[in-house]
Amino acid sequence: MIDYSKLEEKIGVKFQNQNLLMQAFTHRSYLNENRDAGLQHNERLEFLGDAVMELATTDYLYKNYPDKNEGELTSLRAALVNTQTISDVAFDLGFNDFLLLSRGESKDTGRARQYILANTFESVIGAIFLDQGYEVARYFIYKFLIERLETIIKNKSWIDAKSKLQELVQEHMSLTPTYKTVKEEGPDHDKKFTVALYYGKKEIAIGDGKSKQEAEQEVARKALEEFKK
């Protein structure tokens, strides 16, 4: 039995229902190997937490950035709630130490683990919402996610990477970058998209994300890094 007390202390939330917190960290793969564990996996909590996170971040951005238009607010939100950002937050909070994974999944520390951490972060938000209500969930999101906003704005990582790349490629190569979805996997509620970027017929980079848009932004950011070299 995992002791979640240190995690509760770190996130500042004492759960009334410990089973909800354990469920938030239970990956489907764990149950495939431990069918008698009497646990549920975290996918329903992830679904709920994603919606709560989107509402809280949208509300914050709307109230605190009255000078930004709808497109800019959307880009800021996308940079804040994408897989990279929320998995980084989950990693910094030590979520890796509490995950219930299959033996195979537990060995993977690459991009697949990043997705698991991002999904777990959303699941924890869903668990907090059910256990403590919206205000406590919102406080958790503000404390650990919104605080990343200053860095995102400072690094200009919220600015649409696809638009920036298109301007550069058209200026220097007289070409328009094109994007092709090369892989789509996972259930409907938890899709993973892999997108390839091309200059003409030449493949430049590959990126992935929880939506086609996120994957396109990811691969465009990679291509922009190459431009800077």
C-alpha atoms as a PDB file:
ATOM      1  CA  MET A   1       0.000   0.000   0.000  1.00  0.00           C
ATOM      2  CA  ILE A   2       1.485   3.342  -1.067  1.00  0.00           C
ATOM      3  CA  ASP A   3       1.607   6.063   1.585  1.00  0.00           C
ATOM      4  CA  TYR A   4       0.309   9.250  -0.021  1.00  0.00           C
ATOM      5  CA  SER A   5       0.709  11.433   3.079  1.00  0.00           C
ATOM      6  CA  LYS A   6       3.932  13.067   1.835  1.00  0.00           C
ATOM      7  CA  LEU A   7       2.261  13.893  -1.472  1.00  0.00           C
ATOM      8  CA  GLU A   8      -0.783  15.330   0.304  1.00  0.00           C
ATOM      9  CA  GLU A   9       1.558  17.498   2.369  1.00  0.00           C
ATOM     10  CA  LYS A  10       3.364  18.688  -0.744  1.00  0.00           C
ATOM     11  CA  ILE A  11       0.222  19.616  -2.664  1.00  0.00           C
ATOM     12  CA  GLY A  12      -1.554  21.007   0.396  1.00  0.00           C
ATOM     13  CA  VAL A  13      -4.618  18.771   0.100  1.00  0.00           C
ATOM     14  CA  LYS A  14      -5.700  16.208   2.709  1.00  0.00           C
ATOM     15  CA  PHE A  15      -8.059  13.761   1.015  1.00  0.00           C
ATOM     16  CA  GLN A  16     -11.194  12.584   2.771  1.00  0.00           C
ATOM     17  CA  ASN A  17     -11.396   9.648   0.357  1.00  0.00           C
ATOM     18  CA  GLN A  18      -7.939   8.128  -0.056  1.00  0.00           C
ATOM     19  CA  ASN A  19      -9.270   5.742  -2.707  1.00  0.00           C
ATOM     20  CA  LEU A  20      -9.807   8.690  -5.052  1.00  0.00           C
ATOM     21  CA  LEU A  21      -6.171   9.708  -4.715  1.00  0.00           C
ATOM     22  CA  MET A  22      -4.981   6.152  -5.310  1.00  0.00           C
ATOM     23  CA  GLN A  23      -7.243   5.885  -8.351  1.00  0.00           C
ATOM     24  CA  ALA A  24      -5.688   9.066  -9.753  1.00  0.00           C
ATOM     25  CA  PHE A  25      -2.308   7.316  -9.832  1.00  0.00           C
ATOM     26  CA  THR A  26      -3.552   3.964 -11.155  1.00  0.00           C
ATOM     27  CA  HIS A  27      -2.681   3.439 -14.817  1.00  0.00           C
ATOM     28  CA  ARG A  28      -4.768   1.015 -16.861  1.00  0.00           C
ATOM     29  CA  SER A  29      -1.679  -1.147 -17.497  1.00  0.00           C
ATOM     30  CA  TYR A  30      -1.320  -1.838 -13.746  1.00  0.00           C
ATOM     31  CA  LEU A  31      -4.786  -3.367 -13.585  1.00  0.00           C
ATOM     32  CA  ASN A  32      -4.008  -5.600 -16.544  1.00  0.00           C
ATOM     33  CA  GLU A  33      -1.350  -7.266 -14.372  1.00  0.00           C
ATOM     34  CA  ASN A  34      -3.207  -6.923 -11.060  1.00  0.00           C
ATOM     35  CA  ARG A  35      -6.816  -7.774 -11.844  1.00  0.00           C
ATOM     36  CA  ASP A  36      -7.618  -8.605  -8.204  1.00  0.00           C
ATOM     37  CA  ALA A  37      -6.309  -5.296  -6.839  1.00  0.00           C
ATOM     38  CA  GLY A  38      -9.828  -3.948  -6.357  1.00  0.00           C
ATOM     39  CA  LEU A  39      -8.840  -0.626  -7.939  1.00  0.00           C
ATOM     40  CA  GLN A  40     -10.148   1.485 -10.806  1.00  0.00           C
ATOM     41  CA  HIS A  41      -7.879   3.120 -13.377  1.00  0.00           C
ATOM     42  CA  ASN A  42      -7.616   6.890 -13.652  1.00  0.00           C
ATOM     43  CA  GLU A  43      -9.080   7.581 -17.096  1.00  0.00           C
ATOM     44  CA  ARG A  44     -12.471   8.868 -15.919  1.00  0.00           C
ATOM     45  CA  LEU A  45     -10.753  11.153 -13.392  1.00  0.00           C
ATOM     46  CA  GLU A  46      -8.468  12.378 -16.166  1.00  0.00           C
ATOM     47  CA  PHE A  47     -11.505  13.257 -18.298  1.00  0.00           C
ATOM     48  CA  LEU A  48     -13.013  15.247 -15.433  1.00  0.00           C
ATOM     49  CA  GLY A  49      -9.753  16.910 -14.399  1.00  0.00           C
ATOM     50  CA  ASP A  50      -9.020  18.070 -17.933  1.00  0.00           C
ATOM     51  CA  ALA A  51     -12.318  19.988 -17.983  1.00  0.00           C
ATOM     52  CA  VAL A  52     -11.721  21.518 -14.535  1.00  0.00           C
ATOM     53  CA  MET A  53      -8.183  22.553 -15.546  1.00  0.00           C
ATOM     54  CA  GLU A  54      -9.429  24.172 -18.738  1.00  0.00           C
ATOM     55  CA  LEU A  55     -12.117  26.133 -16.880  1.00  0.00           C
ATOM     56  CA  ALA A  56      -9.735  27.341 -14.161  1.00  0.00           C
ATOM     57  CA  THR A  57      -6.986  28.420 -16.558  1.00  0.00           C
ATOM     58  CA  THR A  58      -9.475  30.083 -18.931  1.00  0.00           C
ATOM     59  CA  ASP A  59     -11.063  31.994 -16.042  1.00  0.00           C
ATOM     60  CA  TYR A  60      -7.651  33.146 -14.794  1.00  0.00           C
ATOM     61  CA  LEU A  61      -6.449  34.299 -18.211  1.00  0.00           C
ATOM     62  CA  TYR A  62      -9.715  36.097 -18.997  1.00  0.00           C
ATOM     63  CA  LYS A  63      -9.638  38.046 -15.734  1.00  0.00           C
ATOM     64  CA  ASN A  64      -5.916  38.822 -15.629  1.00  0.00           C
ATOM     65  CA  TYR A  65      -5.158  39.643 -19.287  1.00  0.00           C
ATOM     66  CA  PRO A  66      -7.918  42.041 -20.389  1.00  0.00           C
ATOM     67  CA  ASP A  67      -5.630  43.479 -23.105  1.00  0.00           C
ATOM     68  CA  LYS A  68      -5.263  40.171 -24.964  1.00  0.00           C
ATOM     69  CA  ASN A  69      -7.676  39.062 -27.656  1.00  0.00           C
ATOM     70  CA  GLU A  70      -9.347  35.651 -27.953  1.00  0.00           C
ATOM     71  CA  GLY A  71      -6.605  34.231 -30.172  1.00  0.00           C
ATOM     72  CA  GLU A  72      -3.820  35.300 -27.811  1.00  0.00           C
ATOM     73  CA  LEU A  73      -5.689  33.928 -24.792  1.00  0.00           C
ATOM     74  CA  THR A  74      -6.175  30.619 -26.599  1.00  0.00           C
ATOM     75  CA  SER A  75      -2.456  30.405 -27.382  1.00  0.00           C
ATOM     76  CA  LEU A  76      -1.525  31.211 -23.772  1.00  0.00           C
ATOM     77  CA  ARG A  77      -3.883  28.555 -22.490  1.00  0.00           C
ATOM     78  CA  ALA A  78      -2.545  25.984 -24.973  1.00  0.00           C
ATOM     79  CA  ALA A  79       1.029  26.634 -23.805  1.00  0.00           C
ATOM     80  CA  LEU A  80      -0.064  26.322 -20.189  1.00  0.00           C
ATOM     81  CA  VAL A  81      -2.054  23.070 -20.396  1.00  0.00           C
ATOM     82  CA  ASN A  82      -0.064  21.164 -23.018  1.00  0.00           C
ATOM     83  CA  THR A  83       1.581  17.819 -22.323  1.00  0.00           C
ATOM     84  CA  GLN A  84       5.049  19.291 -21.817  1.00  0.00           C
ATOM     85  CA  THR A  85       4.025  21.858 -19.196  1.00  0.00           C
ATOM     86  CA  ILE A  86       1.721  19.714 -17.098  1.00  0.00           C
ATOM     87  CA  SER A  87       4.045  16.702 -17.165  1.00  0.00           C
ATOM     88  CA  ASP A  88       6.870  18.976 -15.969  1.00  0.00           C
ATOM     89  CA  VAL A  89       4.685  20.095 -13.063  1.00  0.00           C
ATOM     90  CA  ALA A  90       3.807  16.486 -12.234  1.00  0.00           C
ATOM     91  CA  PHE A  91       7.477  15.496 -12.357  1.00  0.00           C
ATOM     92  CA  ASP A  92       8.488  18.376 -10.077  1.00  0.00           C
ATOM     93  CA  LEU A  93       5.781  17.341  -7.596  1.00  0.00           C
ATOM     94  CA  GLY A  94       7.283  13.853  -7.458  1.00  0.00           C
ATOM     95  CA  PHE A  95       4.347  12.053  -9.076  1.00  0.00           C
ATOM     96  CA  ASN A  96       6.727   9.403 -10.452  1.00  0.00           C
ATOM     97  CA  ASP A  97       7.124   8.009  -6.932  1.00  0.00           C
ATOM     98  CA  PHE A  98       3.409   7.261  -6.594  1.00  0.00           C
ATOM     99  CA  LEU A  99       2.439   5.844  -9.994  1.00  0.00           C
ATOM    100  CA  LEU A 100       0.921   2.372 -10.197  1.00  0.00           C
ATOM    101  CA  LEU A 101       2.140   0.997 -13.541  1.00  0.00           C
ATOM    102  CA  SER A 102       2.696  -2.340 -15.222  1.00  0.00           C
ATOM    103  CA  ARG A 103       6.246  -3.694 -15.217  1.00  0.00           C
ATOM    104  CA  GLY A 104       6.618  -2.695 -18.858  1.00  0.00           C
ATOM    105  CA  GLU A 105       5.331   0.848 -18.410  1.00  0.00           C
ATOM    106  CA  SER A 106       7.465   1.389 -15.310  1.00  0.00           C
ATOM    107  CA  LYS A 107      10.639   0.883 -17.369  1.00  0.00           C
ATOM    108  CA  ASP A 108       9.737   3.563 -19.916  1.00  0.00           C
ATOM    109  CA  THR A 109      11.098   6.978 -18.930  1.00  0.00           C
ATOM    110  CA  GLY A 110      10.772   8.731 -22.293  1.00  0.00           C
ATOM    111  CA  ARG A 111       7.893  10.408 -24.082  1.00  0.00           C
ATOM    112  CA  ALA A 112       5.468   7.675 -22.997  1.00  0.00           C
ATOM    113  CA  ARG A 113       6.160   8.487 -19.316  1.00  0.00           C
ATOM    114  CA  GLN A 114       5.628  12.157 -20.093  1.00  0.00           C
ATOM    115  CA  TYR A 115       2.111  11.327 -21.316  1.00  0.00           C
ATOM    116  CA  ILE A 116       1.412   9.233 -18.232  1.00  0.00           C
ATOM    117  CA  LEU A 117       2.527  12.079 -15.955  1.00  0.00           C
ATOM    118  CA  ALA A 118       0.404  14.612 -17.849  1.00  0.00           C
ATOM    119  CA  ASN A 119      -2.649  12.352 -17.653  1.00  0.00           C
ATOM    120  CA  THR A 120      -2.019  11.723 -13.948  1.00  0.00           C
ATOM    121  CA  PHE A 121      -1.843  15.459 -13.266  1.00  0.00           C
ATOM    122  CA  GLU A 122      -5.293  15.834 -14.824  1.00  0.00           C
ATOM    123  CA  SER A 123      -6.518  12.825 -12.832  1.00  0.00           C
ATOM    124  CA  VAL A 124      -5.332  14.367  -9.565  1.00  0.00           C
ATOM    125  CA  ILE A 125      -7.261  17.541 -10.402  1.00  0.00           C
ATOM    126  CA  GLY A 126     -10.352  15.407 -11.022  1.00  0.00           C
ATOM    127  CA  ALA A 127      -9.840  13.616  -7.704  1.00  0.00           C
ATOM    128  CA  ILE A 128      -9.428  16.902  -5.818  1.00  0.00           C
ATOM    129  CA  PHE A 129     -12.575  18.274  -7.462  1.00  0.00           C
ATOM    130  CA  LEU A 130     -14.632  15.249  -6.374  1.00  0.00           C
ATOM    131  CA  ASP A 131     -13.143  15.118  -2.877  1.00  0.00           C
ATOM    132  CA  GLN A 132     -12.836  18.823  -2.021  1.00  0.00           C
ATOM    133  CA  GLY A 133     -14.821  20.804  -4.595  1.00  0.00           C
ATOM    134  CA  TYR A 134     -13.983  23.309  -7.319  1.00  0.00           C
ATOM    135  CA  GLU A 135     -12.364  25.999  -5.161  1.00  0.00           C
ATOM    136  CA  VAL A 136      -9.731  23.640  -3.754  1.00  0.00           C
ATOM    137  CA  ALA A 137      -9.075  22.230  -7.235  1.00  0.00           C
ATOM    138  CA  ARG A 138      -8.750  25.763  -8.589  1.00  0.00           C
ATOM    139  CA  TYR A 139      -6.288  26.680  -5.831  1.00  0.00           C
ATOM    140  CA  PHE A 140      -4.184  23.618  -6.682  1.00  0.00           C
ATOM    141  CA  ILE A 141      -4.147  24.613 -10.375  1.00  0.00           C
ATOM    142  CA  TYR A 142      -3.228  28.213  -9.573  1.00  0.00           C
ATOM    143  CA  LYS A 143      -0.490  27.223  -7.127  1.00  0.00           C
ATOM    144  CA  PHE A 144       1.295  24.664  -9.275  1.00  0.00           C
ATOM    145  CA  LEU A 145       0.331  25.369 -12.902  1.00  0.00           C
ATOM    146  CA  ILE A 146      -0.516  29.057 -13.248  1.00  0.00           C
ATOM    147  CA  GLU A 147       2.795  29.927 -11.603  1.00  0.00           C
ATOM    148  CA  ARG A 148       4.474  28.651 -14.800  1.00  0.00           C
ATOM    149  CA  LEU A 149       2.761  31.360 -16.808  1.00  0.00           C
ATOM    150  CA  GLU A 150       5.389  34.026 -16.140  1.00  0.00           C
ATOM    151  CA  THR A 151       8.123  31.811 -17.622  1.00  0.00           C
ATOM    152  CA  ILE A 152       5.952  30.922 -20.616  1.00  0.00           C
ATOM    153  CA  ILE A 153       5.373  34.599 -21.367  1.00  0.00           C
ATOM    154  CA  LYS A 154       9.020  35.505 -20.765  1.00  0.00           C
ATOM    155  CA  ASN A 155      10.213  32.782 -23.180  1.00  0.00           C
ATOM    156  CA  LYS A 156       7.459  33.644 -25.671  1.00  0.00           C
ATOM    157  CA  SER A 157       6.689  29.925 -25.872  1.00  0.00           C
ATOM    158  CA  TRP A 158       2.972  30.765 -26.088  1.00  0.00           C
ATOM    159  CA  ILE A 159       3.374  32.453 -29.461  1.00  0.00           C
ATOM    160  CA  ASP A 160       2.075  30.270 -32.273  1.00  0.00           C
ATOM    161  CA  ALA A 161       5.070  28.213 -33.410  1.00  0.00           C
ATOM    162  CA  LYS A 162       3.430  27.256 -36.707  1.00  0.00           C
ATOM    163  CA  SER A 163       2.964  30.896 -37.698  1.00  0.00           C
ATOM    164  CA  LYS A 164       6.520  31.832 -36.720  1.00  0.00           C
ATOM    165  CA  LEU A 165       7.935  28.890 -38.666  1.00  0.00           C
ATOM    166  CA  GLN A 166       5.864  29.636 -41.742  1.00  0.00           C
ATOM    167  CA  GLU A 167       7.136  33.213 -41.831  1.00  0.00           C
ATOM    168  CA  LEU A 168      10.769  32.073 -41.585  1.00  0.00           C
ATOM    169  CA  VAL A 169      10.485  29.284 -44.157  1.00  0.00           C
ATOM    170  CA  GLN A 170       8.658  31.467 -46.647  1.00  0.00           C
ATOM    171  CA  GLU A 171      11.215  34.236 -46.192  1.00  0.00           C
ATOM    172  CA  HIS A 172      14.325  32.047 -46.471  1.00  0.00           C
ATOM    173  CA  MET A 173      13.175  29.186 -48.690  1.00  0.00           C
ATOM    174  CA  SER A 174      10.106  30.499 -50.532  1.00  0.00           C
ATOM    175  CA  LEU A 175       8.238  27.394 -49.300  1.00  0.00           C
ATOM    176  CA  THR A 176       5.231  26.767 -47.070  1.00  0.00           C
ATOM    177  CA  PRO A 177       5.718  24.045 -44.431  1.00  0.00           C
ATOM    178  CA  THR A 178       3.234  21.183 -44.607  1.00  0.00           C
ATOM    179  CA  TYR A 179       2.085  18.802 -41.869  1.00  0.00           C
ATOM    180  CA  LYS A 180       0.993  15.175 -42.130  1.00  0.00           C
ATOM    181  CA  THR A 181      -0.461  12.983 -39.388  1.00  0.00           C
ATOM    182  CA  VAL A 182       1.620   9.795 -39.574  1.00  0.00           C
ATOM    183  CA  LYS A 183       0.223   7.954 -36.545  1.00  0.00           C
ATOM    184  CA  GLU A 184      -2.873   8.047 -34.376  1.00  0.00           C
ATOM    185  CA  GLU A 185      -3.168   5.725 -31.396  1.00  0.00           C
ATOM    186  CA  GLY A 186      -5.030   5.252 -28.155  1.00  0.00           C
ATOM    187  CA  PRO A 187      -8.727   5.267 -27.200  1.00  0.00           C
ATOM    188  CA  ASP A 188     -10.973   8.164 -28.240  1.00  0.00           C
ATOM    189  CA  HIS A 189     -10.716   9.913 -24.877  1.00  0.00           C
ATOM    190  CA  ASP A 190      -6.929   9.617 -24.742  1.00  0.00           C
ATOM    191  CA  LYS A 191      -5.562   9.896 -28.275  1.00  0.00           C
ATOM    192  CA  LYS A 192      -1.923  10.403 -29.156  1.00  0.00           C
ATOM    193  CA  PHE A 193      -1.115  11.971 -32.523  1.00  0.00           C
ATOM    194  CA  THR A 194       2.233  11.920 -34.313  1.00  0.00           C
ATOM    195  CA  VAL A 195       2.777  14.549 -37.002  1.00  0.00           C
ATOM    196  CA  ALA A 196       5.586  14.941 -39.537  1.00  0.00           C
ATOM    197  CA  LEU A 197       6.696  18.328 -40.877  1.00  0.00           C
ATOM    198  CA  TYR A 198       7.868  18.744 -44.468  1.00  0.00           C
ATOM    199  CA  TYR A 199       9.592  21.411 -46.520  1.00  0.00           C
ATOM    200  CA  GLY A 200       8.450  20.369 -49.945  1.00  0.00           C
ATOM    201  CA  LYS A 201       8.943  16.582 -50.025  1.00  0.00           C
ATOM    202  CA  LYS A 202      11.700  16.602 -47.397  1.00  0.00           C
ATOM    203  CA  GLU A 203      10.756  15.443 -43.913  1.00  0.00           C
ATOM    204  CA  ILE A 204      12.233  17.834 -41.344  1.00  0.00           C
ATOM    205  CA  ALA A 205      10.991  16.659 -37.957  1.00  0.00           C
ATOM    206  CA  ILE A 206       8.384  14.611 -36.114  1.00  0.00           C
ATOM    207  CA  GLY A 207       6.379  15.655 -33.069  1.00  0.00           C
ATOM    208  CA  ASP A 208       3.489  14.292 -31.048  1.00  0.00           C
ATOM    209  CA  GLY A 209       0.713  15.515 -28.815  1.00  0.00           C
ATOM    210  CA  LYS A 210      -2.694  14.779 -27.317  1.00  0.00           C
ATOM    211  CA  SER A 211      -4.326  16.495 -30.301  1.00  0.00           C
ATOM    212  CA  LYS A 212      -3.307  17.126 -33.903  1.00  0.00           C
ATOM    213  CA  GLN A 213      -2.925  20.816 -33.078  1.00  0.00           C
ATOM    214  CA  GLU A 214      -0.617  20.119 -30.143  1.00  0.00           C
ATOM    215  CA  ALA A 215       1.470  17.719 -32.251  1.00  0.00           C
ATOM    216  CA  GLU A 216       1.775  20.308 -35.038  1.00  0.00           C
ATOM    217  CA  GLN A 217       2.892  22.968 -32.561  1.00  0.00           C
ATOM    218  CA  GLU A 218       5.408  20.540 -31.056  1.00  0.00           C
ATOM    219  CA  VAL A 219       7.000  19.684 -34.410  1.00  0.00           C
ATOM    220  CA  ALA A 220       6.996  23.360 -35.431  1.00  0.00           C
ATOM    221  CA  ARG A 221       8.870  24.220 -32.207  1.00  0.00           C
ATOM    222  CA  LYS A 222      11.463  21.566 -33.049  1.00  0.00           C
ATOM    223  CA  ALA A 223      11.921  23.034 -36.511  1.00  0.00           C
ATOM    224  CA  LEU A 224      12.283  26.532 -35.054  1.00  0.00           C
ATOM    225  CA  GLU A 225      15.075  25.283 -32.789  1.00  0.00           C
ATOM    226  CA  GLU A 226      16.903  24.074 -35.893  1.00  0.00           C
ATOM    227  CA  PHE A 227      16.535  27.519 -37.460  1.00  0.00           C
ATOM    228  CA  LYS A 228      18.251  29.074 -34.455  1.00  0.00           C
ATOM    229  CA  LYS A 229      21.331  26.889 -34.837  1.00  0.00           C
END
